[in-house]
Amino acid sequence: MAKIIHEVEKCIGCGACSAVCPDFWKMGNDGKSHLKGGKKKGKNEVLEVKDVKCNKDAENTCPAQCIHLK
């Protein structure tokens, strides 16, 4: 099982993640990206998945480097 971790406070709201991986990412009313189905853990959003799918692309395109796969 893989974990997708999004450091929401670091997000600059560029929308790169939602552009390359719209099945997992969406833009919120606060101007930041959010992980669809993600659970709040402290200041982060976390989602456990079997297959990271396009999230590797989201991690690599994020200029704020606030998306991490573990």
N, C-alpha and C. Protein backbone atom coordinates (compact mmCIF):
# COMPACT_ATOMS: atom_id res chain seq x y z
N MET A 1 0.84 -1.17 0.00
CA MET A 1 0.00 0.00 0.00
C MET A 1 0.89 1.24 0.00
N ALA A 2 0.58 2.18 -0.87
CA ALA A 2 1.34 3.43 -0.95
C ALA A 2 0.56 4.55 -0.28
N LYS A 3 1.29 5.57 0.17
CA LYS A 3 0.67 6.74 0.77
C LYS A 3 0.98 7.96 -0.08
N ILE A 4 -0.05 8.77 -0.30
CA ILE A 4 0.13 10.06 -0.93
C ILE A 4 -0.01 11.09 0.18
N ILE A 5 1.00 11.93 0.34
CA ILE A 5 1.00 12.94 1.39
C ILE A 5 1.05 14.31 0.72
N HIS A 6 0.12 15.18 1.11
CA HIS A 6 0.06 16.54 0.56
C HIS A 6 0.23 17.54 1.70
N GLU A 7 1.29 18.33 1.61
CA GLU A 7 1.54 19.38 2.59
C GLU A 7 0.75 20.62 2.15
N VAL A 8 -0.45 20.74 2.62
CA VAL A 8 -1.39 21.76 2.15
C VAL A 8 -0.84 23.18 2.35
N GLU A 9 -0.21 23.44 3.46
CA GLU A 9 0.29 24.79 3.73
C GLU A 9 1.33 25.25 2.72
N LYS A 10 2.10 24.31 2.16
CA LYS A 10 3.13 24.65 1.17
C LYS A 10 2.54 24.87 -0.23
N CYS A 11 1.33 24.39 -0.46
CA CYS A 11 0.70 24.46 -1.78
C CYS A 11 0.54 25.91 -2.22
N ILE A 12 0.94 26.19 -3.48
CA ILE A 12 0.82 27.54 -4.02
C ILE A 12 -0.39 27.68 -4.94
N GLY A 13 -1.14 26.60 -5.12
CA GLY A 13 -2.38 26.65 -5.90
C GLY A 13 -2.19 26.80 -7.40
N CYS A 14 -1.09 26.28 -7.92
CA CYS A 14 -0.82 26.42 -9.36
C CYS A 14 -1.71 25.52 -10.21
N GLY A 15 -2.21 24.43 -9.63
CA GLY A 15 -3.10 23.52 -10.35
C GLY A 15 -2.41 22.47 -11.20
N ALA A 16 -1.09 22.38 -11.12
CA ALA A 16 -0.36 21.39 -11.93
C ALA A 16 -0.81 19.97 -11.61
N CYS A 17 -0.99 19.67 -10.34
CA CYS A 17 -1.37 18.31 -9.94
C CYS A 17 -2.76 17.95 -10.48
N SER A 18 -3.70 18.88 -10.39
CA SER A 18 -5.05 18.59 -10.88
C SER A 18 -5.08 18.52 -12.41
N ALA A 19 -4.14 19.17 -13.07
CA ALA A 19 -4.06 19.11 -14.53
C ALA A 19 -3.54 17.75 -15.01
N VAL A 20 -2.52 17.21 -14.32
CA VAL A 20 -1.93 15.94 -14.75
C VAL A 20 -2.58 14.72 -14.11
N CYS A 21 -3.33 14.93 -13.01
CA CYS A 21 -3.91 13.80 -12.29
C CYS A 21 -5.29 14.17 -11.71
N PRO A 22 -6.25 14.49 -12.58
CA PRO A 22 -7.55 14.96 -12.10
C PRO A 22 -8.38 13.92 -11.36
N ASP A 23 -8.05 12.64 -11.49
CA ASP A 23 -8.79 11.62 -10.74
C ASP A 23 -8.51 11.70 -9.24
N PHE A 24 -7.37 12.29 -8.86
CA PHE A 24 -6.97 12.35 -7.46
C PHE A 24 -6.91 13.76 -6.89
N TRP A 25 -6.82 14.78 -7.75
CA TRP A 25 -6.59 16.15 -7.28
C TRP A 25 -7.66 17.10 -7.79
N LYS A 26 -8.00 18.08 -6.93
CA LYS A 26 -8.97 19.11 -7.32
C LYS A 26 -8.54 20.42 -6.68
N MET A 27 -8.97 21.51 -7.27
CA MET A 27 -8.71 22.83 -6.71
C MET A 27 -9.83 23.16 -5.73
N GLY A 28 -9.46 23.68 -4.57
CA GLY A 28 -10.44 24.02 -3.55
C GLY A 28 -10.81 25.49 -3.59
N ASN A 29 -11.83 25.84 -2.85
CA ASN A 29 -12.28 27.23 -2.76
C ASN A 29 -11.24 28.13 -2.09
N ASP A 30 -10.29 27.52 -1.39
CA ASP A 30 -9.24 28.28 -0.72
C ASP A 30 -8.07 28.59 -1.63
N GLY A 31 -8.18 28.20 -2.93
CA GLY A 31 -7.13 28.48 -3.90
C GLY A 31 -5.99 27.47 -3.87
N LYS A 32 -6.13 26.41 -3.12
CA LYS A 32 -5.10 25.37 -3.03
C LYS A 32 -5.63 24.06 -3.59
N SER A 33 -4.72 23.20 -3.98
CA SER A 33 -5.10 21.87 -4.44
C SER A 33 -5.43 21.00 -3.25
N HIS A 34 -6.32 20.02 -3.48
CA HIS A 34 -6.67 19.08 -2.42
C HIS A 34 -6.74 17.68 -2.98
N LEU A 35 -6.37 16.74 -2.16
CA LEU A 35 -6.36 15.33 -2.49
C LEU A 35 -7.76 14.76 -2.30
N LYS A 36 -8.37 14.32 -3.38
CA LYS A 36 -9.73 13.77 -3.30
C LYS A 36 -9.73 12.54 -2.40
N GLY A 37 -10.57 12.56 -1.37
CA GLY A 37 -10.66 11.44 -0.45
C GLY A 37 -9.57 11.42 0.61
N GLY A 38 -8.71 12.44 0.61
CA GLY A 38 -7.63 12.49 1.58
C GLY A 38 -8.14 12.77 2.98
N LYS A 39 -7.46 12.21 3.96
CA LYS A 39 -7.79 12.41 5.37
C LYS A 39 -6.81 13.42 5.97
N LYS A 40 -7.32 14.32 6.80
CA LYS A 40 -6.46 15.29 7.49
C LYS A 40 -5.62 14.58 8.54
N LYS A 41 -4.32 14.77 8.48
CA LYS A 41 -3.40 14.27 9.50
C LYS A 41 -2.49 15.43 9.85
N GLY A 42 -2.81 16.10 10.95
CA GLY A 42 -2.07 17.31 11.31
C GLY A 42 -2.33 18.38 10.27
N LYS A 43 -1.28 18.90 9.67
CA LYS A 43 -1.41 19.93 8.64
C LYS A 43 -1.46 19.34 7.23
N ASN A 44 -1.37 18.02 7.13
CA ASN A 44 -1.30 17.35 5.84
C ASN A 44 -2.61 16.63 5.49
N GLU A 45 -2.73 16.30 4.20
CA GLU A 45 -3.78 15.39 3.73
C GLU A 45 -3.08 14.11 3.32
N VAL A 46 -3.65 12.97 3.68
CA VAL A 46 -3.02 11.67 3.40
C VAL A 46 -4.06 10.74 2.80
N LEU A 47 -3.64 9.99 1.78
CA LEU A 47 -4.52 9.00 1.16
C LEU A 47 -3.70 7.74 0.90
N GLU A 48 -4.22 6.60 1.33
CA GLU A 48 -3.56 5.32 1.05
C GLU A 48 -4.19 4.72 -0.20
N VAL A 49 -3.33 4.26 -1.12
CA VAL A 49 -3.80 3.70 -2.39
C VAL A 49 -3.00 2.44 -2.71
N LYS A 50 -3.60 1.55 -3.50
CA LYS A 50 -2.88 0.36 -3.96
C LYS A 50 -1.94 0.70 -5.11
N ASP A 51 -2.38 1.60 -5.98
CA ASP A 51 -1.61 1.98 -7.17
C ASP A 51 -1.53 3.50 -7.21
N VAL A 52 -0.32 4.04 -7.28
CA VAL A 52 -0.15 5.50 -7.27
C VAL A 52 -0.63 6.16 -8.56
N LYS A 53 -0.77 5.37 -9.62
CA LYS A 53 -1.25 5.85 -10.93
C LYS A 53 -0.55 7.15 -11.32
N CYS A 54 -1.30 8.19 -11.63
CA CYS A 54 -0.73 9.44 -12.14
C CYS A 54 -0.15 10.33 -11.04
N ASN A 55 -0.19 9.88 -9.80
CA ASN A 55 0.32 10.71 -8.71
C ASN A 55 1.83 10.92 -8.76
N LYS A 56 2.57 10.03 -9.41
CA LYS A 56 4.01 10.25 -9.60
C LYS A 56 4.20 11.48 -10.49
N ASP A 57 3.35 11.63 -11.51
CA ASP A 57 3.42 12.82 -12.36
C ASP A 57 3.07 14.08 -11.56
N ALA A 58 2.06 13.98 -10.69
CA ALA A 58 1.67 15.12 -9.86
C ALA A 58 2.82 15.52 -8.94
N GLU A 59 3.47 14.53 -8.35
CA GLU A 59 4.62 14.80 -7.48
C GLU A 59 5.74 15.50 -8.25
N ASN A 60 6.02 15.01 -9.44
CA ASN A 60 7.13 15.55 -10.24
C ASN A 60 6.84 16.93 -10.83
N THR A 61 5.57 17.26 -11.08
CA THR A 61 5.25 18.55 -11.68
C THR A 61 4.99 19.65 -10.67
N CYS A 62 4.86 19.29 -9.40
CA CYS A 62 4.56 20.27 -8.36
C CYS A 62 5.75 21.20 -8.11
N PRO A 63 5.61 22.49 -8.43
CA PRO A 63 6.74 23.40 -8.21
C PRO A 63 7.01 23.69 -6.73
N ALA A 64 6.02 23.50 -5.88
CA ALA A 64 6.19 23.73 -4.44
C ALA A 64 6.73 22.50 -3.72
N GLN A 65 6.82 21.38 -4.42
CA GLN A 65 7.31 20.11 -3.88
C GLN A 65 6.59 19.75 -2.58
N CYS A 66 5.25 19.84 -2.64
CA CYS A 66 4.45 19.55 -1.44
C CYS A 66 3.66 18.24 -1.55
N ILE A 67 3.93 17.46 -2.62
CA ILE A 67 3.29 16.16 -2.80
C ILE A 67 4.39 15.09 -2.67
N HIS A 68 4.12 14.11 -1.82
CA HIS A 68 5.11 13.05 -1.57
C HIS A 68 4.44 11.68 -1.64
N LEU A 69 5.13 10.74 -2.25
CA LEU A 69 4.66 9.36 -2.33
C LEU A 69 5.58 8.49 -1.47
N LYS A 70 4.97 7.68 -0.63
CA LYS A 70 5.76 6.77 0.22
C LYS A 70 5.20 5.38 0.15
